[in-house]
Amino acid sequence: MAIAIQTLSQAIEMLREDVEHERHRADRAERGVEEGRKRIDELQTSLADKRRRIDSLYTELASARTAAMISGSEAAALRTQLARPWWRRWFR
């Protein structure tokens, strides 16, 4: 009977060690998941910042194109005026 009790005690101790080992593995896995979530959040924030920057660059590009078109039209109007003889420009 004493041998059976000793054997059961050893089996219980081995199971306790196995449970403790698995708890440590689970804790490490949970920490890894949490670190992964934090990294995903950081990447999403970074991506949102980059998208906002791209949007602002598109806006700046549109403004620059508009300004170029306006200045091109103004230059064409000036060329038209300069194409007329000087006396017609002076004595309208």
N, C-alpha and C. Protein backbone atom coordinates (compact mmCIF):
# COMPACT_ATOMS: atom_id res chain seq x y z
N MET A 1 0.82 -1.19 0.00
CA MET A 1 0.00 0.00 0.00
C MET A 1 0.87 1.26 0.00
N ALA A 2 1.95 1.22 0.77
CA ALA A 2 2.85 2.37 0.83
C ALA A 2 3.49 2.62 -0.53
N ILE A 3 3.76 1.55 -1.27
CA ILE A 3 4.35 1.70 -2.59
C ILE A 3 3.35 2.37 -3.53
N ALA A 4 2.08 2.00 -3.42
CA ALA A 4 1.05 2.59 -4.26
C ALA A 4 0.91 4.08 -3.96
N ILE A 5 0.95 4.44 -2.70
CA ILE A 5 0.84 5.85 -2.31
C ILE A 5 2.05 6.63 -2.82
N GLN A 6 3.23 6.04 -2.67
CA GLN A 6 4.44 6.70 -3.16
C GLN A 6 4.38 6.85 -4.68
N THR A 7 3.93 5.87 -5.40
CA THR A 7 3.82 5.92 -6.85
C THR A 7 2.82 7.01 -7.27
N LEU A 8 1.68 7.06 -6.58
CA LEU A 8 0.69 8.11 -6.86
C LEU A 8 1.26 9.49 -6.57
N SER A 9 1.99 9.62 -5.48
CA SER A 9 2.60 10.91 -5.14
C SER A 9 3.58 11.35 -6.23
N GLN A 10 4.39 10.41 -6.71
CA GLN A 10 5.33 10.73 -7.78
C GLN A 10 4.59 11.12 -9.07
N ALA A 11 3.53 10.38 -9.39
CA ALA A 11 2.75 10.69 -10.60
C ALA A 11 2.11 12.08 -10.47
N ILE A 12 1.60 12.39 -9.29
CA ILE A 12 0.99 13.72 -9.07
C ILE A 12 2.05 14.80 -9.19
N GLU A 13 3.22 14.58 -8.64
CA GLU A 13 4.31 15.57 -8.73
C GLU A 13 4.72 15.77 -10.19
N MET A 14 4.81 14.69 -10.96
CA MET A 14 5.16 14.82 -12.38
C MET A 14 4.07 15.60 -13.14
N LEU A 15 2.82 15.33 -12.80
CA LEU A 15 1.73 16.08 -13.43
C LEU A 15 1.79 17.56 -13.06
N ARG A 16 2.11 17.86 -11.81
CA ARG A 16 2.26 19.26 -11.39
C ARG A 16 3.36 19.95 -12.19
N GLU A 17 4.47 19.26 -12.36
CA GLU A 17 5.57 19.83 -13.14
C GLU A 17 5.14 20.06 -14.59
N ASP A 18 4.42 19.09 -15.16
CA ASP A 18 3.94 19.25 -16.53
C ASP A 18 2.98 20.45 -16.64
N VAL A 19 2.08 20.56 -15.66
CA VAL A 19 1.12 21.68 -15.66
C VAL A 19 1.87 23.01 -15.54
N GLU A 20 2.86 23.07 -14.68
CA GLU A 20 3.65 24.30 -14.50
C GLU A 20 4.38 24.65 -15.79
N HIS A 21 4.95 23.64 -16.42
CA HIS A 21 5.65 23.86 -17.69
C HIS A 21 4.69 24.41 -18.74
N GLU A 22 3.50 23.84 -18.85
CA GLU A 22 2.51 24.29 -19.83
C GLU A 22 2.00 25.70 -19.50
N ARG A 23 1.91 26.03 -18.21
CA ARG A 23 1.52 27.40 -17.83
C ARG A 23 2.56 28.41 -18.31
N HIS A 24 3.82 28.06 -18.15
CA HIS A 24 4.89 28.95 -18.62
C HIS A 24 4.81 29.12 -20.14
N ARG A 25 4.60 28.03 -20.85
CA ARG A 25 4.47 28.11 -22.32
C ARG A 25 3.28 28.98 -22.70
N ALA A 26 2.16 28.82 -22.01
CA ALA A 26 0.97 29.60 -22.31
C ALA A 26 1.22 31.08 -22.03
N ASP A 27 1.91 31.37 -20.93
CA ASP A 27 2.23 32.77 -20.60
C ASP A 27 3.11 33.40 -21.70
N ARG A 28 4.14 32.64 -22.14
CA ARG A 28 4.99 33.15 -23.21
C ARG A 28 4.19 33.38 -24.49
N ALA A 29 3.31 32.46 -24.79
CA ALA A 29 2.49 32.61 -26.00
C ALA A 29 1.58 33.83 -25.89
N GLU A 30 0.99 34.05 -24.73
CA GLU A 30 0.13 35.22 -24.53
C GLU A 30 0.91 36.52 -24.67
N ARG A 31 2.14 36.53 -24.13
CA ARG A 31 2.98 37.72 -24.28
C ARG A 31 3.31 37.96 -25.76
N GLY A 32 3.59 36.87 -26.47
CA GLY A 32 3.88 37.00 -27.90
C GLY A 32 2.68 37.55 -28.66
N VAL A 33 1.50 37.07 -28.33
CA VAL A 33 0.29 37.56 -28.99
C VAL A 33 0.09 39.04 -28.68
N GLU A 34 0.30 39.42 -27.44
CA GLU A 34 0.12 40.83 -27.05
C GLU A 34 1.14 41.72 -27.78
N GLU A 35 2.39 41.26 -27.87
CA GLU A 35 3.40 42.03 -28.61
C GLU A 35 3.02 42.13 -30.08
N GLY A 36 2.49 41.05 -30.63
CA GLY A 36 2.04 41.07 -32.02
C GLY A 36 0.90 42.06 -32.22
N ARG A 37 -0.03 42.11 -31.29
CA ARG A 37 -1.14 43.07 -31.38
C ARG A 37 -0.63 44.51 -31.32
N LYS A 38 0.31 44.74 -30.43
CA LYS A 38 0.88 46.10 -30.33
C LYS A 38 1.57 46.48 -31.63
N ARG A 39 2.31 45.54 -32.21
CA ARG A 39 3.01 45.82 -33.47
C ARG A 39 2.01 46.10 -34.60
N ILE A 40 0.93 45.34 -34.63
CA ILE A 40 -0.11 45.57 -35.64
C ILE A 40 -0.71 46.96 -35.47
N ASP A 41 -0.99 47.35 -34.22
CA ASP A 41 -1.53 48.69 -33.96
C ASP A 41 -0.56 49.77 -34.43
N GLU A 42 0.73 49.58 -34.15
CA GLU A 42 1.74 50.55 -34.59
C GLU A 42 1.78 50.65 -36.11
N LEU A 43 1.72 49.50 -36.78
CA LEU A 43 1.76 49.49 -38.24
C LEU A 43 0.51 50.14 -38.83
N GLN A 44 -0.65 49.90 -38.20
CA GLN A 44 -1.88 50.53 -38.69
C GLN A 44 -1.82 52.05 -38.53
N THR A 45 -1.27 52.50 -37.40
CA THR A 45 -1.12 53.94 -37.18
C THR A 45 -0.16 54.53 -38.21
N SER A 46 0.94 53.84 -38.44
CA SER A 46 1.93 54.30 -39.42
C SER A 46 1.32 54.34 -40.82
N LEU A 47 0.54 53.33 -41.16
CA LEU A 47 -0.10 53.29 -42.47
C LEU A 47 -1.10 54.44 -42.61
N ALA A 48 -1.85 54.72 -41.57
CA ALA A 48 -2.81 55.83 -41.62
C ALA A 48 -2.07 57.15 -41.82
N ASP A 49 -0.94 57.33 -41.12
CA ASP A 49 -0.14 58.55 -41.29
C ASP A 49 0.36 58.67 -42.73
N LYS A 50 0.82 57.56 -43.29
CA LYS A 50 1.32 57.59 -44.66
C LYS A 50 0.20 57.90 -45.65
N ARG A 51 -0.99 57.36 -45.40
CA ARG A 51 -2.12 57.65 -46.28
C ARG A 51 -2.48 59.13 -46.23
N ARG A 52 -2.47 59.70 -45.01
CA ARG A 52 -2.75 61.14 -44.88
C ARG A 52 -1.70 61.96 -45.63
N ARG A 53 -0.44 61.55 -45.55
CA ARG A 53 0.63 62.26 -46.26
C ARG A 53 0.44 62.17 -47.77
N ILE A 54 0.09 60.99 -48.24
CA ILE A 54 -0.15 60.82 -49.68
C ILE A 54 -1.32 61.69 -50.12
N ASP A 55 -2.38 61.73 -49.32
CA ASP A 55 -3.53 62.58 -49.67
C ASP A 55 -3.13 64.04 -49.75
N SER A 56 -2.30 64.49 -48.80
CA SER A 56 -1.87 65.89 -48.83
C SER A 56 -0.98 66.15 -50.05
N LEU A 57 -0.15 65.17 -50.43
CA LEU A 57 0.68 65.34 -51.62
C LEU A 57 -0.17 65.41 -52.89
N TYR A 58 -1.23 64.60 -52.95
CA TYR A 58 -2.14 64.69 -54.09
C TYR A 58 -2.79 66.07 -54.16
N THR A 59 -3.16 66.61 -53.02
CA THR A 59 -3.75 67.95 -52.99
C THR A 59 -2.75 68.99 -53.47
N GLU A 60 -1.52 68.88 -53.00
CA GLU A 60 -0.47 69.81 -53.44
C GLU A 60 -0.22 69.67 -54.94
N LEU A 61 -0.22 68.45 -55.44
CA LEU A 61 -0.02 68.22 -56.87
C LEU A 61 -1.14 68.86 -57.68
N ALA A 62 -2.37 68.70 -57.23
CA ALA A 62 -3.50 69.30 -57.94
C ALA A 62 -3.38 70.82 -57.94
N SER A 63 -2.98 71.39 -56.83
CA SER A 63 -2.80 72.85 -56.76
C SER A 63 -1.69 73.30 -57.71
N ALA A 64 -0.60 72.55 -57.76
CA ALA A 64 0.51 72.91 -58.64
C ALA A 64 0.09 72.81 -60.11
N ARG A 65 -0.67 71.79 -60.45
CA ARG A 65 -1.14 71.65 -61.84
C ARG A 65 -2.07 72.80 -62.22
N THR A 66 -2.94 73.16 -61.29
CA THR A 66 -3.86 74.28 -61.55
C THR A 66 -3.08 75.57 -61.76
N ALA A 67 -2.09 75.80 -60.89
CA ALA A 67 -1.27 77.00 -61.03
C ALA A 67 -0.52 76.99 -62.37
N ALA A 68 -0.03 75.83 -62.77
CA ALA A 68 0.69 75.73 -64.05
C ALA A 68 -0.25 76.03 -65.23
N MET A 69 -1.47 75.53 -65.15
CA MET A 69 -2.43 75.80 -66.23
C MET A 69 -2.78 77.29 -66.30
N ILE A 70 -2.96 77.89 -65.12
CA ILE A 70 -3.29 79.32 -65.08
C ILE A 70 -2.14 80.15 -65.64
N SER A 71 -0.92 79.84 -65.20
CA SER A 71 0.22 80.62 -65.69
C SER A 71 0.44 80.38 -67.19
N GLY A 72 0.15 79.16 -67.66
CA GLY A 72 0.25 78.88 -69.08
C GLY A 72 -0.76 79.70 -69.87
N SER A 73 -1.97 79.82 -69.34
CA SER A 73 -2.99 80.64 -70.02
C SER A 73 -2.60 82.11 -70.02
N GLU A 74 -2.06 82.57 -68.91
CA GLU A 74 -1.63 83.97 -68.82
C GLU A 74 -0.47 84.22 -69.80
N ALA A 75 0.44 83.28 -69.90
CA ALA A 75 1.56 83.43 -70.84
C ALA A 75 1.06 83.48 -72.28
N ALA A 76 0.08 82.65 -72.59
CA ALA A 76 -0.49 82.66 -73.94
C ALA A 76 -1.15 84.00 -74.24
N ALA A 77 -1.84 84.55 -73.25
CA ALA A 77 -2.48 85.86 -73.45
C ALA A 77 -1.43 86.94 -73.67
N LEU A 78 -0.33 86.89 -72.91
CA LEU A 78 0.73 87.87 -73.10
C LEU A 78 1.38 87.72 -74.47
N ARG A 79 1.59 86.50 -74.93
CA ARG A 79 2.17 86.29 -76.26
C ARG A 79 1.26 86.86 -77.34
N THR A 80 -0.03 86.72 -77.15
CA THR A 80 -0.99 87.27 -78.11
C THR A 80 -0.88 88.79 -78.17
N GLN A 81 -0.75 89.40 -76.99
CA GLN A 81 -0.61 90.85 -76.95
C GLN A 81 0.70 91.30 -77.58
N LEU A 82 1.76 90.56 -77.34
CA LEU A 82 3.06 90.94 -77.87
C LEU A 82 3.16 90.69 -79.38
N ALA A 83 2.31 89.86 -79.91
CA ALA A 83 2.34 89.57 -81.34
C ALA A 83 1.82 90.76 -82.17
N ARG A 84 1.05 91.63 -81.55
CA ARG A 84 0.54 92.81 -82.27
C ARG A 84 1.65 93.86 -82.37
N PRO A 85 1.62 94.67 -83.39
CA PRO A 85 2.64 95.73 -83.51
C PRO A 85 2.56 96.69 -82.32
N TRP A 86 3.68 97.33 -82.03
CA TRP A 86 3.74 98.18 -80.84
C TRP A 86 2.78 99.34 -80.92
N TRP A 87 2.56 99.93 -82.09
CA TRP A 87 1.67 101.09 -82.17
C TRP A 87 0.21 100.72 -81.90
N ARG A 88 -0.15 99.45 -82.19
CA ARG A 88 -1.51 99.02 -81.87
C ARG A 88 -1.67 98.79 -80.37
N ARG A 89 -0.60 98.40 -79.73
CA ARG A 89 -0.68 98.22 -78.29
C ARG A 89 -0.74 99.58 -77.59
N TRP A 90 -0.04 100.57 -78.13
CA TRP A 90 0.00 101.88 -77.49
C TRP A 90 -1.24 102.70 -77.78
N PHE A 91 -1.75 102.59 -79.00
CA PHE A 91 -2.88 103.43 -79.40
C PHE A 91 -4.15 102.61 -79.63
N ARG A 92 -4.62 102.03 -78.65
CA ARG A 92 -5.83 101.23 -78.77
C ARG A 92 -7.03 102.08 -78.91
